[in-house]
Amino acid sequence: SETWHPLLLRAMSSIPAVTAGDSVWWHCDLIHGVA
């Protein structure tokens, strides 16, 4: 959260545009969210 981790959230980066059939993957420890 912004309360405790503002440094980390500066790096939050969206996936690019994707097409049906593309797949998206992220390391099991990676911080993630949905806009």
PDB file of all heavy atoms in Angstrom:
ATOM      1  N   SER A   1       0.812  -1.217   0.000  1.00  0.00           N
ATOM      2  CA  SER A   1       0.000   0.000   0.000  1.00  0.00           C
ATOM      3  C   SER A   1       0.844   1.264   0.000  1.00  0.00           C
ATOM      4  O   SER A   1       2.035   1.255   0.340  1.00  0.00           O
ATOM      5  CB  SER A   1      -0.894   0.008   1.243  1.00  0.00           C
ATOM      6  OG  SER A   1      -0.098   0.145   2.428  1.00  0.00           O
ATOM      7  N   GLU A   2       0.198   2.378  -0.367  1.00  0.00           N
ATOM      8  CA  GLU A   2       0.847   3.689  -0.305  1.00  0.00           C
ATOM      9  C   GLU A   2       1.225   4.046   1.123  1.00  0.00           C
ATOM     10  O   GLU A   2       2.197   4.759   1.361  1.00  0.00           O
ATOM     11  CB  GLU A   2      -0.082   4.762  -0.880  1.00  0.00           C
ATOM     12  CG  GLU A   2      -0.211   4.750  -2.387  1.00  0.00           C
ATOM     13  CD  GLU A   2       1.044   5.283  -3.086  1.00  0.00           C
ATOM     14  OE1 GLU A   2       1.956   5.768  -2.385  1.00  0.00           O
ATOM     15  OE2 GLU A   2       1.107   5.199  -4.322  1.00  0.00           O
ATOM     16  N   THR A   3       0.468   3.551   2.092  1.00  0.00           N
ATOM     17  CA  THR A   3       0.767   3.852   3.489  1.00  0.00           C
ATOM     18  C   THR A   3       2.143   3.351   3.895  1.00  0.00           C
ATOM     19  O   THR A   3       2.912   4.062   4.548  1.00  0.00           O
ATOM     20  CB  THR A   3      -0.303   3.219   4.402  1.00  0.00           C
ATOM     21  OG1 THR A   3      -1.587   3.723   4.048  1.00  0.00           O
ATOM     22  CG2 THR A   3      -0.019   3.522   5.871  1.00  0.00           C
ATOM     23  N   TRP A   4       2.468   2.112   3.499  1.00  0.00           N
ATOM     24  CA  TRP A   4       3.688   1.465   3.969  1.00  0.00           C
ATOM     25  C   TRP A   4       4.746   1.264   2.893  1.00  0.00           C
ATOM     26  O   TRP A   4       5.923   1.091   3.207  1.00  0.00           O
ATOM     27  CB  TRP A   4       3.350   0.096   4.586  1.00  0.00           C
ATOM     28  CG  TRP A   4       2.383   0.158   5.723  1.00  0.00           C
ATOM     29  CD1 TRP A   4       1.121  -0.363   5.751  1.00  0.00           C
ATOM     30  CD2 TRP A   4       2.587   0.758   7.003  1.00  0.00           C
ATOM     31  NE1 TRP A   4       0.513  -0.125   6.964  1.00  0.00           N
ATOM     32  CE2 TRP A   4       1.395   0.561   7.759  1.00  0.00           C
ATOM     33  CE3 TRP A   4       3.650   1.450   7.595  1.00  0.00           C
ATOM     34  CZ2 TRP A   4       1.253   1.029   9.064  1.00  0.00           C
ATOM     35  CZ3 TRP A   4       3.513   1.917   8.890  1.00  0.00           C
ATOM     36  CH2 TRP A   4       2.325   1.706   9.609  1.00  0.00           C
ATOM     37  N   HIS A   5       4.354   1.255   1.622  1.00  0.00           N
ATOM     38  CA  HIS A   5       5.295   0.869   0.565  1.00  0.00           C
ATOM     39  C   HIS A   5       5.257   1.828  -0.632  1.00  0.00           C
ATOM     40  O   HIS A   5       5.238   1.379  -1.789  1.00  0.00           O
ATOM     41  CB  HIS A   5       4.962  -0.546   0.068  1.00  0.00           C
ATOM     42  CG  HIS A   5       4.698  -1.554   1.139  1.00  0.00           C
ATOM     43  ND1 HIS A   5       3.419  -1.873   1.549  1.00  0.00           N
ATOM     44  CD2 HIS A   5       5.539  -2.322   1.873  1.00  0.00           C
ATOM     45  CE1 HIS A   5       3.481  -2.804   2.495  1.00  0.00           C
ATOM     46  NE2 HIS A   5       4.745  -3.088   2.715  1.00  0.00           N
ATOM     47  N   PRO A   6       5.237   3.136  -0.428  1.00  0.00           N
ATOM     48  CA  PRO A   6       5.122   4.040  -1.587  1.00  0.00           C
ATOM     49  C   PRO A   6       6.271   3.887  -2.584  1.00  0.00           C
ATOM     50  O   PRO A   6       6.062   4.056  -3.788  1.00  0.00           O
ATOM     51  CB  PRO A   6       5.106   5.436  -0.944  1.00  0.00           C
ATOM     52  CG  PRO A   6       5.720   5.259   0.406  1.00  0.00           C
ATOM     53  CD  PRO A   6       5.340   3.877   0.839  1.00  0.00           C
ATOM     54  N   LEU A   7       7.464   3.566  -2.101  1.00  0.00           N
ATOM     55  CA  LEU A   7       8.599   3.375  -3.014  1.00  0.00           C
ATOM     56  C   LEU A   7       8.296   2.287  -4.029  1.00  0.00           C
ATOM     57  O   LEU A   7       8.536   2.455  -5.232  1.00  0.00           O
ATOM     58  CB  LEU A   7       9.849   3.019  -2.207  1.00  0.00           C
ATOM     59  CG  LEU A   7      11.072   2.565  -3.019  1.00  0.00           C
ATOM     60  CD1 LEU A   7      11.559   3.669  -3.941  1.00  0.00           C
ATOM     61  CD2 LEU A   7      12.200   2.106  -2.092  1.00  0.00           C
ATOM     62  N   LEU A   8       7.771   1.160  -3.557  1.00  0.00           N
ATOM     63  CA  LEU A   8       7.519   0.038  -4.457  1.00  0.00           C
ATOM     64  C   LEU A   8       6.447   0.380  -5.484  1.00  0.00           C
ATOM     65  O   LEU A   8       6.562   0.018  -6.668  1.00  0.00           O
ATOM     66  CB  LEU A   8       7.096  -1.194  -3.654  1.00  0.00           C
ATOM     67  CG  LEU A   8       8.076  -1.686  -2.586  1.00  0.00           C
ATOM     68  CD1 LEU A   8       7.542  -2.948  -1.918  1.00  0.00           C
ATOM     69  CD2 LEU A   8       9.450  -1.939  -3.185  1.00  0.00           C
ATOM     70  N   LEU A   9       5.412   1.087  -5.049  1.00  0.00           N
ATOM     71  CA  LEU A   9       4.285   1.335  -5.946  1.00  0.00           C
ATOM     72  C   LEU A   9       4.635   2.311  -7.068  1.00  0.00           C
ATOM     73  O   LEU A   9       3.932   2.363  -8.079  1.00  0.00           O
ATOM     74  CB  LEU A   9       3.081   1.823  -5.146  1.00  0.00           C
ATOM     75  CG  LEU A   9       2.498   0.762  -4.196  1.00  0.00           C
ATOM     76  CD1 LEU A   9       1.284   1.312  -3.455  1.00  0.00           C
ATOM     77  CD2 LEU A   9       2.117  -0.505  -4.957  1.00  0.00           C
ATOM     78  N   ARG A  10       5.723   3.052  -6.905  1.00  0.00           N
ATOM     79  CA  ARG A  10       6.186   3.895  -8.018  1.00  0.00           C
ATOM     80  C   ARG A  10       6.516   3.063  -9.246  1.00  0.00           C
ATOM     81  O   ARG A  10       6.441   3.552 -10.391  1.00  0.00           O
ATOM     82  CB  ARG A  10       7.418   4.688  -7.591  1.00  0.00           C
ATOM     83  CG  ARG A  10       7.133   5.911  -6.747  1.00  0.00           C
ATOM     84  CD  ARG A  10       8.397   6.471  -6.119  1.00  0.00           C
ATOM     85  NE  ARG A  10       9.546   6.517  -7.026  1.00  0.00           N
ATOM     86  CZ  ARG A  10      10.800   6.704  -6.617  1.00  0.00           C
ATOM     87  NH1 ARG A  10      11.065   6.854  -5.326  1.00  0.00           N
ATOM     88  NH2 ARG A  10      11.787   6.737  -7.495  1.00  0.00           N
ATOM     89  N   ALA A  11       6.871   1.788  -9.039  1.00  0.00           N
ATOM     90  CA  ALA A  11       7.289   0.936 -10.165  1.00  0.00           C
ATOM     91  C   ALA A  11       6.129   0.164 -10.783  1.00  0.00           C
ATOM     92  O   ALA A  11       6.342  -0.563 -11.765  1.00  0.00           O
ATOM     93  CB  ALA A  11       8.366  -0.042  -9.704  1.00  0.00           C
ATOM     94  N   MET A  12       4.915   0.282 -10.248  1.00  0.00           N
ATOM     95  CA  MET A  12       3.784  -0.482 -10.802  1.00  0.00           C
ATOM     96  C   MET A  12       3.642  -0.191 -12.293  1.00  0.00           C
ATOM     97  O   MET A  12       3.481   0.961 -12.701  1.00  0.00           O
ATOM     98  CB  MET A  12       2.492  -0.136 -10.069  1.00  0.00           C
ATOM     99  CG  MET A  12       2.320  -0.838  -8.742  1.00  0.00           C
ATOM    100  SD  MET A  12       1.977  -2.625  -8.888  1.00  0.00           S
ATOM    101  CE  MET A  12       0.189  -2.652  -8.928  1.00  0.00           C
ATOM    102  N   SER A  13       3.688  -1.235 -13.100  1.00  0.00           N
ATOM    103  CA  SER A  13       3.729  -1.082 -14.561  1.00  0.00           C
ATOM    104  C   SER A  13       2.725  -2.019 -15.219  1.00  0.00           C
ATOM    105  O   SER A  13       2.672  -3.209 -14.918  1.00  0.00           O
ATOM    106  CB  SER A  13       5.140  -1.404 -15.084  1.00  0.00           C
ATOM    107  OG  SER A  13       6.095  -0.540 -14.505  1.00  0.00           O
ATOM    108  N   SER A  14       1.972  -1.470 -16.136  1.00  0.00           N
ATOM    109  CA  SER A  14       0.933  -2.230 -16.825  1.00  0.00           C
ATOM    110  C   SER A  14       1.521  -3.194 -17.844  1.00  0.00           C
ATOM    111  O   SER A  14       2.573  -2.920 -18.447  1.00  0.00           O
ATOM    112  CB  SER A  14      -0.024  -1.275 -17.545  1.00  0.00           C
ATOM    113  OG  SER A  14      -0.980  -1.990 -18.321  1.00  0.00           O
ATOM    114  N   ILE A  15       0.815  -4.304 -18.049  1.00  0.00           N
ATOM    115  CA  ILE A  15       1.115  -5.114 -19.219  1.00  0.00           C
ATOM    116  C   ILE A  15       0.825  -4.289 -20.474  1.00  0.00           C
ATOM    117  O   ILE A  15       0.022  -3.357 -20.441  1.00  0.00           O
ATOM    118  CB  ILE A  15       0.280  -6.417 -19.249  1.00  0.00           C
ATOM    119  CG1 ILE A  15      -1.227  -6.112 -19.228  1.00  0.00           C
ATOM    120  CG2 ILE A  15       0.659  -7.352 -18.147  1.00  0.00           C
ATOM    121  CD1 ILE A  15      -2.100  -7.335 -19.477  1.00  0.00           C
ATOM    122  N   PRO A  16       1.473  -4.608 -21.574  1.00  0.00           N
ATOM    123  CA  PRO A  16       1.124  -3.943 -22.831  1.00  0.00           C
ATOM    124  C   PRO A  16      -0.222  -4.468 -23.351  1.00  0.00           C
ATOM    125  O   PRO A  16      -0.829  -5.353 -22.745  1.00  0.00           O
ATOM    126  CB  PRO A  16       2.271  -4.358 -23.749  1.00  0.00           C
ATOM    127  CG  PRO A  16       2.714  -5.692 -23.225  1.00  0.00           C
ATOM    128  CD  PRO A  16       2.543  -5.607 -21.731  1.00  0.00           C
ATOM    129  N   ALA A  17      -0.675  -3.921 -24.451  1.00  0.00           N
ATOM    130  CA  ALA A  17      -1.867  -4.468 -25.102  1.00  0.00           C
ATOM    131  C   ALA A  17      -1.645  -5.942 -25.400  1.00  0.00           C
ATOM    132  O   ALA A  17      -0.536  -6.347 -25.784  1.00  0.00           O
ATOM    133  CB  ALA A  17      -2.149  -3.699 -26.392  1.00  0.00           C
ATOM    134  N   VAL A  18      -2.669  -6.743 -25.192  1.00  0.00           N
ATOM    135  CA  VAL A  18      -2.567  -8.170 -25.496  1.00  0.00           C
ATOM    136  C   VAL A  18      -3.677  -8.572 -26.454  1.00  0.00           C
ATOM    137  O   VAL A  18      -4.736  -7.947 -26.526  1.00  0.00           O
ATOM    138  CB  VAL A  18      -2.624  -9.049 -24.223  1.00  0.00           C
ATOM    139  CG1 VAL A  18      -1.424  -8.799 -23.335  1.00  0.00           C
ATOM    140  CG2 VAL A  18      -3.909  -8.826 -23.456  1.00  0.00           C
ATOM    141  N   THR A  19      -3.400  -9.633 -27.180  1.00  0.00           N
ATOM    142  CA  THR A  19      -4.327 -10.205 -28.149  1.00  0.00           C
ATOM    143  C   THR A  19      -4.796 -11.551 -27.635  1.00  0.00           C
ATOM    144  O   THR A  19      -4.046 -12.261 -26.948  1.00  0.00           O
ATOM    145  CB  THR A  19      -3.617 -10.372 -29.508  1.00  0.00           C
ATOM    146  OG1 THR A  19      -3.219  -9.085 -29.978  1.00  0.00           O
ATOM    147  CG2 THR A  19      -4.514 -11.030 -30.536  1.00  0.00           C
ATOM    148  N   ALA A  20      -6.017 -11.918 -27.932  1.00  0.00           N
ATOM    149  CA  ALA A  20      -6.512 -13.242 -27.564  1.00  0.00           C
ATOM    150  C   ALA A  20      -5.509 -14.301 -28.011  1.00  0.00           C
ATOM    151  O   ALA A  20      -5.053 -14.289 -29.151  1.00  0.00           O
ATOM    152  CB  ALA A  20      -7.873 -13.495 -28.207  1.00  0.00           C
ATOM    153  N   GLY A  21      -5.144 -15.186 -27.080  1.00  0.00           N
ATOM    154  CA  GLY A  21      -4.143 -16.210 -27.355  1.00  0.00           C
ATOM    155  C   GLY A  21      -2.779 -15.906 -26.777  1.00  0.00           C
ATOM    156  O   GLY A  21      -1.945 -16.810 -26.633  1.00  0.00           O
ATOM    157  N   ASP A  22      -2.518 -14.621 -26.443  1.00  0.00           N
ATOM    158  CA  ASP A  22      -1.299 -14.286 -25.713  1.00  0.00           C
ATOM    159  C   ASP A  22      -1.435 -14.785 -24.273  1.00  0.00           C
ATOM    160  O   ASP A  22      -2.547 -14.914 -23.743  1.00  0.00           O
ATOM    161  CB  ASP A  22      -1.068 -12.772 -25.677  1.00  0.00           C
ATOM    162  CG  ASP A  22      -0.756 -12.179 -27.033  1.00  0.00           C
ATOM    163  OD1 ASP A  22      -0.432 -12.943 -27.964  1.00  0.00           O
ATOM    164  OD2 ASP A  22      -0.834 -10.934 -27.157  1.00  0.00           O
ATOM    165  N   SER A  23      -0.302 -15.033 -23.615  1.00  0.00           N
ATOM    166  CA  SER A  23      -0.337 -15.364 -22.195  1.00  0.00           C
ATOM    167  C   SER A  23       0.583 -14.430 -21.429  1.00  0.00           C
ATOM    168  O   SER A  23       1.557 -13.908 -21.970  1.00  0.00           O
ATOM    169  CB  SER A  23       0.018 -16.829 -21.936  1.00  0.00           C
ATOM    170  OG  SER A  23       1.332 -17.137 -22.364  1.00  0.00           O
ATOM    171  N   VAL A  24       0.254 -14.223 -20.154  1.00  0.00           N
ATOM    172  CA  VAL A  24       0.937 -13.272 -19.288  1.00  0.00           C
ATOM    173  C   VAL A  24       1.384 -14.023 -18.040  1.00  0.00           C
ATOM    174  O   VAL A  24       0.606 -14.787 -17.456  1.00  0.00           O
ATOM    175  CB  VAL A  24      -0.015 -12.120 -18.913  1.00  0.00           C
ATOM    176  CG1 VAL A  24       0.616 -11.192 -17.893  1.00  0.00           C
ATOM    177  CG2 VAL A  24      -0.444 -11.350 -20.164  1.00  0.00           C
ATOM    178  N   TRP A  25       2.644 -13.787 -17.606  1.00  0.00           N
ATOM    179  CA  TRP A  25       3.216 -14.577 -16.514  1.00  0.00           C
ATOM    180  C   TRP A  25       3.991 -13.674 -15.568  1.00  0.00           C
ATOM    181  O   TRP A  25       4.628 -12.723 -16.000  1.00  0.00           O
ATOM    182  CB  TRP A  25       4.173 -15.640 -17.082  1.00  0.00           C
ATOM    183  CG  TRP A  25       3.511 -16.566 -18.050  1.00  0.00           C
ATOM    184  CD1 TRP A  25       3.375 -16.384 -19.405  1.00  0.00           C
ATOM    185  CD2 TRP A  25       2.871 -17.804 -17.747  1.00  0.00           C
ATOM    186  NE1 TRP A  25       2.694 -17.441 -19.955  1.00  0.00           N
ATOM    187  CE2 TRP A  25       2.370 -18.331 -18.969  1.00  0.00           C
ATOM    188  CE3 TRP A  25       2.682 -18.544 -16.574  1.00  0.00           C
ATOM    189  CZ2 TRP A  25       1.695 -19.546 -19.030  1.00  0.00           C
ATOM    190  CZ3 TRP A  25       2.013 -19.750 -16.632  1.00  0.00           C
ATOM    191  CH2 TRP A  25       1.520 -20.244 -17.856  1.00  0.00           C
ATOM    192  N   TRP A  26       3.942 -13.998 -14.264  1.00  0.00           N
ATOM    193  CA  TRP A  26       4.724 -13.237 -13.288  1.00  0.00           C
ATOM    194  C   TRP A  26       5.180 -14.158 -12.154  1.00  0.00           C
ATOM    195  O   TRP A  26       4.494 -15.074 -11.745  1.00  0.00           O
ATOM    196  CB  TRP A  26       3.952 -12.033 -12.762  1.00  0.00           C
ATOM    197  CG  TRP A  26       2.659 -12.323 -12.047  1.00  0.00           C
ATOM    198  CD1 TRP A  26       2.453 -12.344 -10.683  1.00  0.00           C
ATOM    199  CD2 TRP A  26       1.366 -12.598 -12.636  1.00  0.00           C
ATOM    200  NE1 TRP A  26       1.132 -12.623 -10.401  1.00  0.00           N
ATOM    201  CE2 TRP A  26       0.444 -12.784 -11.574  1.00  0.00           C
ATOM    202  CE3 TRP A  26       0.908 -12.707 -13.962  1.00  0.00           C
ATOM    203  CZ2 TRP A  26      -0.904 -13.072 -11.790  1.00  0.00           C
ATOM    204  CZ3 TRP A  26      -0.443 -13.005 -14.165  1.00  0.00           C
ATOM    205  CH2 TRP A  26      -1.323 -13.177 -13.094  1.00  0.00           C
ATOM    206  N   HIS A  27       6.413 -13.915 -11.683  1.00  0.00           N
ATOM    207  CA  HIS A  27       7.056 -14.662 -10.608  1.00  0.00           C
ATOM    208  C   HIS A  27       6.134 -14.715  -9.391  1.00  0.00           C
ATOM    209  O   HIS A  27       5.428 -13.756  -9.085  1.00  0.00           O
ATOM    210  CB  HIS A  27       8.381 -13.960 -10.266  1.00  0.00           C
ATOM    211  CG  HIS A  27       9.222 -14.617  -9.226  1.00  0.00           C
ATOM    212  ND1 HIS A  27       8.905 -14.598  -7.883  1.00  0.00           N
ATOM    213  CD2 HIS A  27      10.402 -15.287  -9.320  1.00  0.00           C
ATOM    214  CE1 HIS A  27       9.848 -15.230  -7.204  1.00  0.00           C
ATOM    215  NE2 HIS A  27      10.770 -15.658  -8.050  1.00  0.00           N
ATOM    216  N   CYS A  28       6.170 -15.838  -8.676  1.00  0.00           N
ATOM    217  CA  CYS A  28       5.216 -16.066  -7.585  1.00  0.00           C
ATOM    218  C   CYS A  28       5.329 -15.057  -6.449  1.00  0.00           C
ATOM    219  O   CYS A  28       4.387 -14.908  -5.667  1.00  0.00           O
ATOM    220  CB  CYS A  28       5.378 -17.481  -7.041  1.00  0.00           C
ATOM    221  SG  CYS A  28       7.056 -17.884  -6.481  1.00  0.00           S
ATOM    222  N   ASP A  29       6.450 -14.340  -6.318  1.00  0.00           N
ATOM    223  CA  ASP A  29       6.590 -13.308  -5.284  1.00  0.00           C
ATOM    224  C   ASP A  29       6.226 -11.920  -5.777  1.00  0.00           C
ATOM    225  O   ASP A  29       6.218 -10.967  -4.993  1.00  0.00           O
ATOM    226  CB  ASP A  29       8.042 -13.244  -4.782  1.00  0.00           C
ATOM    227  CG  ASP A  29       8.433 -14.405  -3.895  1.00  0.00           C
ATOM    228  OD1 ASP A  29       7.543 -15.147  -3.448  1.00  0.00           O
ATOM    229  OD2 ASP A  29       9.653 -14.579  -3.651  1.00  0.00           O
ATOM    230  N   LEU A  30       5.967 -11.766  -7.067  1.00  0.00           N
ATOM    231  CA  LEU A  30       5.855 -10.423  -7.631  1.00  0.00           C
ATOM    232  C   LEU A  30       4.592  -9.710  -7.128  1.00  0.00           C
ATOM    233  O   LEU A  30       3.504 -10.285  -7.089  1.00  0.00           O
ATOM    234  CB  LEU A  30       5.830 -10.499  -9.160  1.00  0.00           C
ATOM    235  CG  LEU A  30       6.627  -9.413  -9.882  1.00  0.00           C
ATOM    236  CD1 LEU A  30       8.091  -9.462  -9.524  1.00  0.00           C
ATOM    237  CD2 LEU A  30       6.455  -9.546 -11.389  1.00  0.00           C
ATOM    238  N   ILE A  31       4.774  -8.455  -6.754  1.00  0.00           N
ATOM    239  CA  ILE A  31       3.645  -7.607  -6.366  1.00  0.00           C
ATOM    240  C   ILE A  31       2.832  -7.309  -7.620  1.00  0.00           C
ATOM    241  O   ILE A  31       3.381  -6.913  -8.652  1.00  0.00           O
ATOM    242  CB  ILE A  31       4.157  -6.308  -5.732  1.00  0.00           C
ATOM    243  CG1 ILE A  31       4.931  -6.609  -4.442  1.00  0.00           C
ATOM    244  CG2 ILE A  31       3.015  -5.332  -5.464  1.00  0.00           C
ATOM    245  CD1 ILE A  31       5.858  -5.483  -4.011  1.00  0.00           C
ATOM    246  N   HIS A  32       1.514  -7.500  -7.523  1.00  0.00           N
ATOM    247  CA  HIS A  32       0.671  -7.269  -8.692  1.00  0.00           C
ATOM    248  C   HIS A  32      -0.714  -6.784  -8.259  1.00  0.00           C
ATOM    249  O   HIS A  32      -1.111  -6.937  -7.109  1.00  0.00           O
ATOM    250  CB  HIS A  32       0.547  -8.537  -9.546  1.00  0.00           C
ATOM    251  CG  HIS A  32      -0.002  -9.726  -8.814  1.00  0.00           C
ATOM    252  ND1 HIS A  32       0.729 -10.451  -7.892  1.00  0.00           N
ATOM    253  CD2 HIS A  32      -1.223 -10.332  -8.865  1.00  0.00           C
ATOM    254  CE1 HIS A  32      -0.004 -11.448  -7.408  1.00  0.00           C
ATOM    255  NE2 HIS A  32      -1.193 -11.395  -7.978  1.00  0.00           N
ATOM    256  N   GLY A  33      -1.414  -6.204  -9.187  1.00  0.00           N
ATOM    257  CA  GLY A  33      -2.771  -5.729  -8.951  1.00  0.00           C
ATOM    258  C   GLY A  33      -3.439  -5.482 -10.289  1.00  0.00           C
ATOM    259  O   GLY A  33      -2.821  -5.626 -11.354  1.00  0.00           O
ATOM    260  N   VAL A  34      -4.706  -5.113 -10.242  1.00  0.00           N
ATOM    261  CA  VAL A  34      -5.475  -4.840 -11.456  1.00  0.00           C
ATOM    262  C   VAL A  34      -5.994  -3.415 -11.368  1.00  0.00           C
ATOM    263  O   VAL A  34      -6.589  -3.022 -10.352  1.00  0.00           O
ATOM    264  CB  VAL A  34      -6.642  -5.837 -11.623  1.00  0.00           C
ATOM    265  CG1 VAL A  34      -7.439  -5.517 -12.887  1.00  0.00           C
ATOM    266  CG2 VAL A  34      -6.114  -7.273 -11.671  1.00  0.00           C
ATOM    267  N   ALA A  35      -5.761  -2.639 -12.406  1.00  0.00           N
ATOM    268  CA  ALA A  35      -6.159  -1.230 -12.403  1.00  0.00           C
ATOM    269  C   ALA A  35      -7.681  -1.104 -12.458  1.00  0.00           C
ATOM    270  O   ALA A  35      -8.363  -1.946 -13.046  1.00  0.00           O
ATOM    271  CB  ALA A  35      -5.530  -0.512 -13.592  1.00  0.00           C
TER     272      ALA A  35
END
